[in-house]
């Protein structure tokens, strides 16, 4: 008689994954369009002048960069490395335990999410 009034929406888990993918895509686009002056000189235009010269003359950071306080290039390198390590850890744990990533994260934060 009446059409069904059920909502056809995606689950919270899929919404979070969608938002994360869109965020990663936008960060990648921004990094491509507006590279930081201390980024890899391979991606910089050699005709840029000072920004390219500064990036090309930067010493490699190595395995453990010197830790300087504040928002520095070294701190950003370490922050990125720790984020990658955390992502590998959570994906590996989810794969080994055969659980969704959100369930693993929920366990790690003590059931804070659901």
C-alpha atoms as a PDB file:
ATOM      1  CA  UNK A   1       0.000   0.000   0.000  1.00  0.00           C
ATOM      2  CA  UNK A   2       2.482   2.634   1.145  1.00  0.00           C
ATOM      3  CA  UNK A   3       6.045   2.652  -0.116  1.00  0.00           C
ATOM      4  CA  UNK A   4       8.639   1.581   2.381  1.00  0.00           C
ATOM      5  CA  UNK A   5       9.890   4.427   4.561  1.00  0.00           C
ATOM      6  CA  UNK A   6      13.201   2.753   5.382  1.00  0.00           C
ATOM      7  CA  UNK A   7      16.316   4.810   4.942  1.00  0.00           C
ATOM      8  CA  UNK A   8      18.949   3.357   2.655  1.00  0.00           C
ATOM      9  CA  UNK A   9      22.173   4.725   4.104  1.00  0.00           C
ATOM     10  CA  UNK A  10      25.692   3.457   4.479  1.00  0.00           C
ATOM     11  CA  UNK A  11      26.997   2.126   7.782  1.00  0.00           C
ATOM     12  CA  UNK A  12      29.097   4.262  10.111  1.00  0.00           C
ATOM     13  CA  UNK A  13      32.161   2.140   9.345  1.00  0.00           C
ATOM     14  CA  UNK A  14      31.825   2.741   5.608  1.00  0.00           C
ATOM     15  CA  UNK A  15      31.222   6.455   6.192  1.00  0.00           C
ATOM     16  CA  UNK A  16      34.433   6.750   8.205  1.00  0.00           C
ATOM     17  CA  UNK A  17      36.378   4.888   5.526  1.00  0.00           C
ATOM     18  CA  UNK A  18      34.878   7.146   2.853  1.00  0.00           C
ATOM     19  CA  UNK A  19      35.836  10.284   4.781  1.00  0.00           C
ATOM     20  CA  UNK A  20      39.370   8.948   5.342  1.00  0.00           C
ATOM     21  CA  UNK A  21      39.775   8.190   1.640  1.00  0.00           C
ATOM     22  CA  UNK A  22      38.505  11.612   0.611  1.00  0.00           C
ATOM     23  CA  UNK A  23      40.841  13.220   3.157  1.00  0.00           C
ATOM     24  CA  UNK A  24      43.847  11.246   1.875  1.00  0.00           C
ATOM     25  CA  UNK A  25      42.926  12.138  -1.708  1.00  0.00           C
ATOM     26  CA  UNK A  26      42.677  15.858  -0.901  1.00  0.00           C
ATOM     27  CA  UNK A  27      45.981  15.840   1.016  1.00  0.00           C
ATOM     28  CA  UNK A  28      47.610  14.169  -1.996  1.00  0.00           C
ATOM     29  CA  UNK A  29      46.147  16.761  -4.361  1.00  0.00           C
ATOM     30  CA  UNK A  30      47.320  19.629  -2.126  1.00  0.00           C
ATOM     31  CA  UNK A  31      50.801  18.123  -1.812  1.00  0.00           C
ATOM     32  CA  UNK A  32      51.006  17.817  -5.582  1.00  0.00           C
ATOM     33  CA  UNK A  33      49.753  21.315  -6.338  1.00  0.00           C
ATOM     34  CA  UNK A  34      51.527  23.156  -3.506  1.00  0.00           C
ATOM     35  CA  UNK A  35      54.692  21.260  -2.532  1.00  0.00           C
ATOM     36  CA  UNK A  36      56.385  22.386   0.652  1.00  0.00           C
ATOM     37  CA  UNK A  37      59.753  24.067   0.253  1.00  0.00           C
ATOM     38  CA  UNK A  38      61.434  21.250   2.214  1.00  0.00           C
ATOM     39  CA  UNK A  39      59.845  18.428   0.244  1.00  0.00           C
ATOM     40  CA  UNK A  40      61.647  16.082  -2.114  1.00  0.00           C
ATOM     41  CA  UNK A  41      63.317  18.180  -4.825  1.00  0.00           C
ATOM     42  CA  UNK A  42      62.366  15.492  -7.352  1.00  0.00           C
ATOM     43  CA  UNK A  43      58.833  16.939  -7.336  1.00  0.00           C
ATOM     44  CA  UNK A  44      59.930  20.578  -7.491  1.00  0.00           C
ATOM     45  CA  UNK A  45      60.505  22.551 -10.652  1.00  0.00           C
ATOM     46  CA  UNK A  46      64.213  23.435 -11.031  1.00  0.00           C
ATOM     47  CA  UNK A  47      63.131  26.853 -12.355  1.00  0.00           C
ATOM     48  CA  UNK A  48      61.524  27.743  -9.009  1.00  0.00           C
ATOM     49  CA  UNK A  49      64.713  29.338  -7.771  1.00  0.00           C
ATOM     50  CA  UNK A  50      65.281  29.632  -4.023  1.00  0.00           C
ATOM     51  CA  UNK A  51      62.751  26.974  -2.955  1.00  0.00           C
ATOM     52  CA  UNK A  52      64.324  24.406  -5.265  1.00  0.00           C
ATOM     53  CA  UNK A  53      67.877  25.288  -4.234  1.00  0.00           C
ATOM     54  CA  UNK A  54      67.013  25.036  -0.537  1.00  0.00           C
ATOM     55  CA  UNK A  55      65.359  21.627  -1.022  1.00  0.00           C
ATOM     56  CA  UNK A  56      68.149  20.310  -3.250  1.00  0.00           C
ATOM     57  CA  UNK A  57      70.849  21.348  -0.754  1.00  0.00           C
ATOM     58  CA  UNK A  58      69.091  19.835   2.279  1.00  0.00           C
ATOM     59  CA  UNK A  59      70.977  17.040   3.996  1.00  0.00           C
ATOM     60  CA  UNK A  60      69.046  13.710   4.148  1.00  0.00           C
ATOM     61  CA  UNK A  61      67.349  13.073   7.499  1.00  0.00           C
ATOM     62  CA  UNK A  62      68.556   9.500   7.965  1.00  0.00           C
ATOM     63  CA  UNK A  63      66.942   6.828  10.109  1.00  0.00           C
ATOM     64  CA  UNK A  64      66.626   8.926  13.290  1.00  0.00           C
ATOM     65  CA  UNK A  65      66.594  12.673  12.611  1.00  0.00           C
ATOM     66  CA  UNK A  66      67.857  15.084  15.243  1.00  0.00           C
ATOM     67  CA  UNK A  67      64.919  16.066  17.435  1.00  0.00           C
ATOM     68  CA  UNK A  68      64.309  19.805  17.594  1.00  0.00           C
ATOM     69  CA  UNK A  69      61.480  21.227  19.674  1.00  0.00           C
ATOM     70  CA  UNK A  70      58.596  22.946  17.936  1.00  0.00           C
ATOM     71  CA  UNK A  71      57.232  22.709  14.415  1.00  0.00           C
ATOM     72  CA  UNK A  72      60.390  21.855  12.506  1.00  0.00           C
ATOM     73  CA  UNK A  73      61.217  19.828   9.430  1.00  0.00           C
ATOM     74  CA  UNK A  74      62.693  17.071  11.592  1.00  0.00           C
ATOM     75  CA  UNK A  75      59.563  16.901  13.756  1.00  0.00           C
ATOM     76  CA  UNK A  76      57.373  16.626  10.658  1.00  0.00           C
ATOM     77  CA  UNK A  77      59.528  13.803   9.279  1.00  0.00           C
ATOM     78  CA  UNK A  78      59.261  11.909  12.581  1.00  0.00           C
ATOM     79  CA  UNK A  79      55.506  12.586  12.796  1.00  0.00           C
ATOM     80  CA  UNK A  80      54.995  11.135   9.319  1.00  0.00           C
ATOM     81  CA  UNK A  81      57.087   8.080  10.122  1.00  0.00           C
ATOM     82  CA  UNK A  82      55.161   7.391  13.340  1.00  0.00           C
ATOM     83  CA  UNK A  83      51.854   7.740  11.464  1.00  0.00           C
ATOM     84  CA  UNK A  84      53.014   5.232   8.849  1.00  0.00           C
ATOM     85  CA  UNK A  85      54.164   2.833  11.577  1.00  0.00           C
ATOM     86  CA  UNK A  86      50.793   3.092  13.330  1.00  0.00           C
ATOM     87  CA  UNK A  87      48.909   2.474  10.107  1.00  0.00           C
ATOM     88  CA  UNK A  88      51.001  -0.607   9.327  1.00  0.00           C
ATOM     89  CA  UNK A  89      50.443  -1.885  12.881  1.00  0.00           C
ATOM     90  CA  UNK A  90      46.656  -1.512  12.794  1.00  0.00           C
ATOM     91  CA  UNK A  91      46.292  -2.991   9.290  1.00  0.00           C
ATOM     92  CA  UNK A  92      48.583  -5.906  10.171  1.00  0.00           C
ATOM     93  CA  UNK A  93      46.681  -6.610  13.382  1.00  0.00           C
ATOM     94  CA  UNK A  94      43.348  -6.482  11.553  1.00  0.00           C
ATOM     95  CA  UNK A  95      44.663  -8.889   8.923  1.00  0.00           C
ATOM     96  CA  UNK A  96      46.166 -11.327  11.447  1.00  0.00           C
ATOM     97  CA  UNK A  97      43.082 -11.332  13.708  1.00  0.00           C
ATOM     98  CA  UNK A  98      40.686 -11.318  10.720  1.00  0.00           C
ATOM     99  CA  UNK A  99      38.741  -8.342  12.115  1.00  0.00           C
ATOM    100  CA  UNK A 100      37.667  -5.015  10.625  1.00  0.00           C
ATOM    101  CA  UNK A 101      40.109  -2.168  11.255  1.00  0.00           C
ATOM    102  CA  UNK A 102      37.554  -0.227  13.301  1.00  0.00           C
ATOM    103  CA  UNK A 103      37.088  -3.206  15.649  1.00  0.00           C
ATOM    104  CA  UNK A 104      40.850  -3.359  16.216  1.00  0.00           C
ATOM    105  CA  UNK A 105      41.038   0.387  16.901  1.00  0.00           C
ATOM    106  CA  UNK A 106      38.024   0.129  19.212  1.00  0.00           C
ATOM    107  CA  UNK A 107      39.794  -2.588  21.200  1.00  0.00           C
ATOM    108  CA  UNK A 108      42.972  -0.495  21.407  1.00  0.00           C
ATOM    109  CA  UNK A 109      41.069   2.491  22.855  1.00  0.00           C
ATOM    110  CA  UNK A 110      39.219   0.321  25.362  1.00  0.00           C
ATOM    111  CA  UNK A 111      35.814   0.206  23.679  1.00  0.00           C
ATOM    112  CA  UNK A 112      35.530   3.993  23.450  1.00  0.00           C
ATOM    113  CA  UNK A 113      33.890   4.019  20.007  1.00  0.00           C
ATOM    114  CA  UNK A 114      31.123   1.426  20.441  1.00  0.00           C
END
